[in-house]
Amino acid sequence: MRTRVPIAATRLVIALALLVCHPLFAQSDRAVEQKIIDYLKANLKAGEPVIVSKLHNEVFTSPEERKALDRLYNIFFKVPAYIAQYYASSNKPPSLEEIARQFNLPIEGEVDVILKIVEYDRRVPRFLTRDSKTGEIAQVDIEKVRADPRFNRVIERTIAGWEGKLAPPFDVQALDGKQLSSSHLKGKAHLVYFWFTHCPPCVQITPHLVSLQRKFASRGFSVVGLNADRILELGYDDSERQAYAEKHRVNFPIGHLSPEVQAAYGGVQLFPTLFLVDKSGVIRAHFVNYQDEVALQRAIEKLL
């Protein structure tokens, strides 16, 4: 994609969430996005990049259409980094379904369209190979991504690993309006948990974190949740977050993730992501996506 016009960029990295969990994606919005995807399906040609400025000025000119186009444009730039981060963390590429959930792409064939745009754009290194029959990503060449400074900056920490590095400090607003600061955790082992409301794997892992908080709080350990709703512009308010916390009996502090903290932790894009920090403030383990309670407990016990 090439563009010569300013795009109203929004942070819409919606990770591993089903459409049913996002009522804010209205039917009218979906219909408009369907129109754009249908147009792209009919007009994409191998080797020819999509010219966003032309679509913006000549094809999709209503405010609703431009809003949907901007959303897809933003996703296009995030997909390569997401795929690379996922591969670096899991040693396998994400499935098309996982990409769809990550970026809230519910329309049939929508992920395929996004990946074709990535493949046809010369600015993006040719770092992935797809299965010709299924369209699934078969291989990821991480070295080609690392060789490109634009994408390497996004994933270098993920590839290099976090273990042994000092945990970046954070000072954010808690759900109750007070300040939640890493300085309050000085001298304590803790688990920094990046999540967002109603994220399916976050819902799945929450009972484990509640259990671990209960088991190890007396030994000075704490889970700390950093909620990404505002970063992702999901639209949930504090009452909804509080209701979620009460429903799941969350017994650890929760704060609002800020852009600065997100960037300090390598631009976290996969949710949930967890950093296990020892008493001296050094990261000892880095977890991406759902983890079972046994694995987390073993890692925590090594620190205590």
Protein backbone atom coordinates (compact mmCIF):
# COMPACT_ATOMS: atom_id res chain seq x y z
CA MET A 1 0.00 0.00 0.00
CA ARG A 2 1.17 3.51 -0.84
CA THR A 3 -0.45 6.68 0.32
CA ARG A 4 0.12 10.38 -0.15
CA VAL A 5 -2.74 11.52 2.06
CA PRO A 6 -2.84 11.69 5.85
CA ILE A 7 -4.66 8.73 7.37
CA ALA A 8 -6.46 9.09 10.69
CA ALA A 9 -4.57 6.29 12.35
CA THR A 10 -6.15 4.51 15.28
CA ARG A 11 -4.71 1.83 17.51
CA LEU A 12 -6.88 -1.14 16.71
CA VAL A 13 -4.70 -4.11 17.62
CA ILE A 14 -7.46 -6.39 18.92
CA ALA A 15 -5.77 -9.61 19.92
CA LEU A 16 -7.25 -13.04 20.00
CA ALA A 17 -10.85 -11.94 20.52
CA LEU A 18 -13.96 -13.29 18.86
CA LEU A 19 -16.38 -10.93 17.15
CA VAL A 20 -19.11 -11.82 19.61
CA CYS A 21 -16.93 -10.23 22.31
CA HIS A 22 -16.91 -6.93 20.43
CA PRO A 23 -20.44 -5.54 20.16
CA LEU A 24 -18.88 -2.22 19.16
CA PHE A 25 -18.27 -3.66 15.67
CA ALA A 26 -21.81 -2.89 14.48
CA GLN A 27 -23.58 -4.54 11.57
CA SER A 28 -23.46 -1.28 9.64
CA ASP A 29 -19.68 -1.11 10.07
CA ARG A 30 -19.36 -4.72 8.97
CA ALA A 31 -21.46 -4.06 5.86
CA VAL A 32 -19.20 -1.18 4.86
CA GLU A 33 -16.07 -3.25 5.46
CA GLN A 34 -17.61 -6.09 3.43
CA LYS A 35 -18.02 -3.68 0.51
CA ILE A 36 -14.34 -2.73 0.66
CA ILE A 37 -13.18 -6.35 0.92
CA ASP A 38 -15.36 -7.36 -2.03
CA TYR A 39 -13.85 -4.55 -4.10
CA LEU A 40 -10.31 -5.57 -3.16
CA LYS A 41 -11.00 -9.23 -3.95
CA ALA A 42 -12.14 -8.25 -7.43
CA ASN A 43 -9.32 -5.80 -8.13
CA LEU A 44 -6.16 -7.14 -6.44
CA LYS A 45 -3.49 -8.14 -8.94
CA ALA A 46 -0.25 -9.93 -8.19
CA GLY A 47 2.71 -7.58 -8.24
CA GLU A 48 0.57 -4.44 -8.13
CA PRO A 49 0.42 -2.61 -4.79
CA VAL A 50 -2.82 -1.09 -3.56
CA ILE A 51 -2.83 2.70 -3.84
CA VAL A 52 -4.71 3.81 -0.74
CA SER A 53 -4.87 7.46 -1.79
CA LYS A 54 -6.79 6.45 -4.93
CA LEU A 55 -9.24 4.34 -2.95
CA HIS A 56 -9.60 7.14 -0.42
CA ASN A 57 -10.24 9.88 -2.97
CA GLU A 58 -11.98 8.10 -5.85
CA VAL A 59 -13.66 4.90 -4.68
CA PHE A 60 -14.61 5.05 -1.00
CA THR A 61 -15.51 8.65 -0.34
CA SER A 62 -18.15 8.58 2.41
CA PRO A 63 -17.05 9.08 6.04
CA GLU A 64 -18.13 5.53 6.91
CA GLU A 65 -16.18 4.02 4.02
CA ARG A 66 -13.07 6.03 4.78
CA LYS A 67 -13.24 5.02 8.44
CA ALA A 68 -13.36 1.34 7.45
CA LEU A 69 -10.59 1.83 4.90
CA ASP A 70 -8.40 3.51 7.52
CA ARG A 71 -8.98 0.56 9.87
CA LEU A 72 -7.83 -1.91 7.23
CA TYR A 73 -4.89 0.32 6.30
CA ASN A 74 -3.72 0.36 9.92
CA ILE A 75 -4.08 -3.40 10.17
CA PHE A 76 -2.00 -3.87 7.04
CA PHE A 77 0.98 -2.22 8.74
CA LYS A 78 0.57 -4.27 11.91
CA VAL A 79 0.19 -7.73 10.37
CA PRO A 80 3.88 -8.30 9.43
CA ALA A 81 5.04 -7.37 12.93
CA TYR A 82 2.35 -9.54 14.48
CA ILE A 83 3.29 -12.57 12.37
CA ALA A 84 6.97 -12.09 13.16
CA GLN A 85 6.34 -11.65 16.89
CA TYR A 86 4.08 -14.68 16.97
CA TYR A 87 6.67 -16.80 15.17
CA ALA A 88 9.50 -15.56 17.37
CA SER A 89 7.50 -16.44 20.49
CA SER A 90 5.92 -19.73 19.36
CA ASN A 91 8.34 -20.99 16.69
CA LYS A 92 5.39 -21.46 14.35
CA PRO A 93 3.30 -19.08 12.24
CA PRO A 94 -0.17 -18.01 13.33
CA SER A 95 -3.16 -19.56 11.61
CA LEU A 96 -5.52 -17.49 9.48
CA GLU A 97 -8.12 -17.87 12.22
CA GLU A 98 -5.70 -16.51 14.83
CA ILE A 99 -4.92 -13.51 12.63
CA ALA A 100 -8.65 -12.91 12.17
CA ARG A 101 -9.20 -12.94 15.92
CA GLN A 102 -6.14 -10.80 16.58
CA PHE A 103 -7.35 -7.99 14.34
CA ASN A 104 -11.12 -8.55 14.49
CA LEU A 105 -11.46 -9.56 10.83
CA PRO A 106 -14.76 -11.46 10.77
CA ILE A 107 -15.52 -11.34 7.04
CA GLU A 108 -14.89 -14.50 5.05
CA GLY A 109 -11.65 -14.20 3.08
CA GLU A 110 -10.70 -10.94 4.78
CA VAL A 111 -7.41 -12.25 6.19
CA ASP A 112 -6.49 -13.64 2.78
CA VAL A 113 -7.01 -10.19 1.25
CA ILE A 114 -4.83 -8.53 3.90
CA LEU A 115 -2.05 -11.09 3.38
CA LYS A 116 -2.18 -10.65 -0.39
CA ILE A 117 -1.81 -6.89 0.02
CA VAL A 118 1.21 -7.55 2.25
CA GLU A 119 2.69 -9.90 -0.33
CA TYR A 120 2.12 -7.48 -3.20
CA ASP A 121 3.65 -4.45 -1.47
CA ARG A 122 7.34 -4.00 -2.25
CA ARG A 123 7.96 -2.13 0.99
CA VAL A 124 7.35 -5.29 2.99
CA PRO A 125 10.15 -7.89 2.95
CA ARG A 126 9.07 -11.18 1.37
CA PHE A 127 9.30 -13.07 4.61
CA LEU A 128 6.40 -15.49 4.47
CA THR A 129 5.42 -18.48 2.35
CA ARG A 130 1.81 -19.63 2.14
CA ASP A 131 0.26 -22.99 1.34
CA SER A 132 -1.12 -22.75 -2.20
CA LYS A 133 -4.20 -24.83 -1.35
CA THR A 134 -5.24 -23.61 2.09
CA GLY A 135 -3.72 -20.13 2.11
CA GLU A 136 -2.27 -20.82 5.56
CA ILE A 137 1.18 -19.43 6.33
CA ALA A 138 3.60 -22.31 5.89
CA GLN A 139 6.94 -20.63 6.65
CA VAL A 140 8.25 -17.40 8.15
CA ASP A 141 11.74 -16.15 7.34
CA ILE A 142 12.56 -14.19 10.48
CA GLU A 143 15.97 -13.14 9.16
CA LYS A 144 14.39 -11.19 6.32
CA VAL A 145 12.30 -9.31 8.85
CA ARG A 146 15.33 -8.63 11.02
CA ALA A 147 17.19 -7.27 8.01
CA ASP A 148 14.53 -4.59 7.52
CA PRO A 149 15.01 -1.82 10.12
CA ARG A 150 11.35 -0.76 10.01
CA PHE A 151 10.12 -4.15 11.18
CA ASN A 152 13.21 -5.18 13.12
CA ARG A 153 12.66 -2.37 15.61
CA VAL A 154 9.24 -3.79 16.43
CA ILE A 155 10.30 -7.38 17.05
CA GLU A 156 13.97 -7.26 18.07
CA ARG A 157 13.19 -7.60 21.77
CA THR A 158 10.84 -10.49 21.15
CA ILE A 159 13.47 -12.33 19.12
CA ALA A 160 16.36 -11.43 21.42
CA GLY A 161 14.41 -12.48 24.49
CA TRP A 162 13.56 -10.59 27.66
CA GLU A 163 15.06 -12.93 30.21
CA GLY A 164 17.89 -11.30 32.17
CA LYS A 165 16.87 -7.73 31.35
CA LEU A 166 15.64 -5.17 33.82
CA ALA A 167 11.86 -4.78 33.74
CA PRO A 168 10.88 -1.34 32.44
CA PRO A 169 9.29 0.81 35.16
CA PHE A 170 5.65 1.80 34.90
CA ASP A 171 3.42 4.38 36.54
CA VAL A 172 -0.19 4.14 35.43
CA GLN A 173 -3.68 4.95 36.61
CA ALA A 174 -5.42 2.13 38.47
CA LEU A 175 -9.07 1.27 37.90
CA ASP A 176 -9.94 2.99 41.19
CA GLY A 177 -8.32 6.22 39.99
CA LYS A 178 -5.22 5.93 42.15
CA GLN A 179 -1.69 5.46 40.84
CA LEU A 180 -0.27 2.00 40.24
CA SER A 181 3.52 2.09 40.09
CA SER A 182 6.27 -0.48 39.72
CA SER A 183 8.00 1.35 42.58
CA HIS A 184 5.42 -0.20 44.88
CA LEU A 185 6.78 -3.60 43.89
CA LYS A 186 10.41 -2.88 44.68
CA GLY A 187 11.98 -5.90 46.36
CA LYS A 188 9.04 -8.15 45.46
CA ALA A 189 8.69 -10.83 42.81
CA HIS A 190 5.74 -10.05 40.53
CA LEU A 191 4.00 -10.98 37.29
CA VAL A 192 3.11 -8.15 34.90
CA TYR A 193 0.04 -9.22 32.95
CA PHE A 194 -0.98 -7.43 29.72
CA TRP A 195 -4.62 -8.10 28.81
CA PHE A 196 -7.90 -6.63 27.61
CA THR A 197 -11.51 -7.12 28.64
CA HIS A 198 -13.24 -10.22 27.26
CA CYS A 199 -10.14 -11.41 25.39
CA PRO A 200 -10.86 -15.20 25.20
CA PRO A 201 -7.41 -16.45 26.29
CA CYS A 202 -7.35 -13.72 28.95
CA VAL A 203 -10.65 -15.03 30.30
CA GLN A 204 -9.13 -18.51 30.27
CA ILE A 205 -5.96 -17.53 32.13
CA THR A 206 -7.58 -15.23 34.70
CA PRO A 207 -8.61 -18.02 37.13
CA HIS A 208 -4.99 -19.23 37.16
CA LEU A 209 -3.72 -15.77 38.03
CA VAL A 210 -6.32 -15.38 40.77
CA SER A 211 -5.25 -18.75 42.17
CA LEU A 212 -1.54 -17.88 42.02
CA GLN A 213 -2.14 -14.53 43.70
CA ARG A 214 -3.96 -16.31 46.51
CA LYS A 215 -1.23 -18.95 46.88
CA PHE A 216 1.79 -16.65 46.89
CA ALA A 217 0.63 -13.27 48.22
CA SER A 218 1.80 -14.18 51.73
CA ARG A 219 5.30 -14.65 50.33
CA GLY A 220 5.44 -11.13 48.90
CA PHE A 221 4.41 -12.06 45.36
CA SER A 222 1.85 -10.14 43.31
CA VAL A 223 0.22 -10.26 39.91
CA VAL A 224 -0.24 -6.82 38.33
CA GLY A 225 -2.69 -6.43 35.46
CA LEU A 226 -2.26 -3.77 32.78
CA ASN A 227 -5.51 -3.43 30.86
CA ALA A 228 -5.23 -2.45 27.18
CA ASP A 229 -8.85 -1.45 26.50
CA ARG A 230 -8.02 2.24 26.09
CA ILE A 231 -4.96 1.53 23.94
CA LEU A 232 -7.10 -0.65 21.67
CA GLU A 233 -9.98 1.83 21.73
CA LEU A 234 -12.46 -0.90 22.62
CA GLY A 235 -14.87 1.49 24.27
CA TYR A 236 -15.46 -0.37 27.52
CA ASP A 237 -15.83 1.96 30.50
CA ASP A 238 -14.51 1.49 34.02
CA SER A 239 -17.83 0.11 35.26
CA GLU A 240 -17.63 -2.68 32.67
CA ARG A 241 -14.02 -3.41 33.60
CA GLN A 242 -14.97 -3.45 37.26
CA ALA A 243 -17.86 -5.82 36.57
CA TYR A 244 -15.49 -8.09 34.65
CA ALA A 245 -13.03 -8.06 37.58
CA GLU A 246 -15.80 -8.85 40.06
CA LYS A 247 -17.22 -11.64 37.93
CA HIS A 248 -13.82 -13.31 37.70
CA ARG A 249 -12.98 -12.54 41.35
CA VAL A 250 -9.80 -10.71 40.41
CA ASN A 251 -7.72 -10.26 43.57
CA PHE A 252 -4.74 -8.36 42.16
CA PRO A 253 -4.29 -4.69 41.20
CA ILE A 254 -5.24 -3.53 37.71
CA GLY A 255 -4.12 -0.40 35.90
CA HIS A 256 -4.70 1.16 32.52
CA LEU A 257 -1.93 0.39 30.03
CA SER A 258 -0.43 3.58 28.60
CA PRO A 259 1.23 4.02 25.19
CA GLU A 260 4.53 4.72 26.95
CA VAL A 261 4.44 1.50 28.96
CA GLN A 262 3.32 -0.48 25.93
CA ALA A 263 6.33 0.84 24.00
CA ALA A 264 8.71 0.21 26.91
CA TYR A 265 7.72 -3.45 26.92
CA GLY A 266 8.53 -3.87 23.25
CA GLY A 267 5.24 -2.65 21.85
CA VAL A 268 3.20 -5.56 23.20
CA GLN A 269 0.74 -6.66 20.52
CA LEU A 270 -0.18 -10.17 21.63
CA PHE A 271 -2.64 -10.61 24.47
CA PRO A 272 -2.22 -12.00 27.00
CA THR A 273 1.50 -11.36 27.46
CA LEU A 274 3.16 -11.84 30.85
CA PHE A 275 6.55 -10.87 32.28
CA LEU A 276 7.76 -12.63 35.44
CA VAL A 277 10.03 -10.30 37.41
CA ASP A 278 12.27 -11.30 40.34
CA LYS A 279 12.91 -9.37 43.57
CA SER A 280 15.77 -7.42 42.01
CA GLY A 281 13.61 -6.21 39.13
CA VAL A 282 15.02 -8.56 36.48
CA ILE A 283 12.73 -10.35 34.05
CA ARG A 284 13.13 -14.12 34.48
CA ALA A 285 10.42 -15.39 32.15
CA HIS A 286 8.35 -14.06 29.27
CA PHE A 287 5.07 -15.73 28.36
CA VAL A 288 2.94 -15.05 25.27
CA ASN A 289 -0.66 -16.29 24.87
CA TYR A 290 -2.43 -18.64 27.24
CA GLN A 291 -0.36 -20.54 29.83
CA ASP A 292 -1.60 -23.24 32.18
CA GLU A 293 -1.41 -22.73 35.93
CA VAL A 294 1.15 -25.49 36.50
CA ALA A 295 3.69 -23.87 34.16
CA LEU A 296 3.22 -20.46 35.75
CA GLN A 297 3.42 -21.83 39.27
CA ARG A 298 6.68 -23.64 38.55
CA ALA A 299 8.23 -20.45 37.19
CA ILE A 300 7.07 -18.43 40.20
CA GLU A 301 8.32 -20.99 42.71
CA LYS A 302 11.82 -20.72 41.26
CA LEU A 303 11.89 -17.05 42.25
CA LEU A 304 10.55 -17.41 45.78
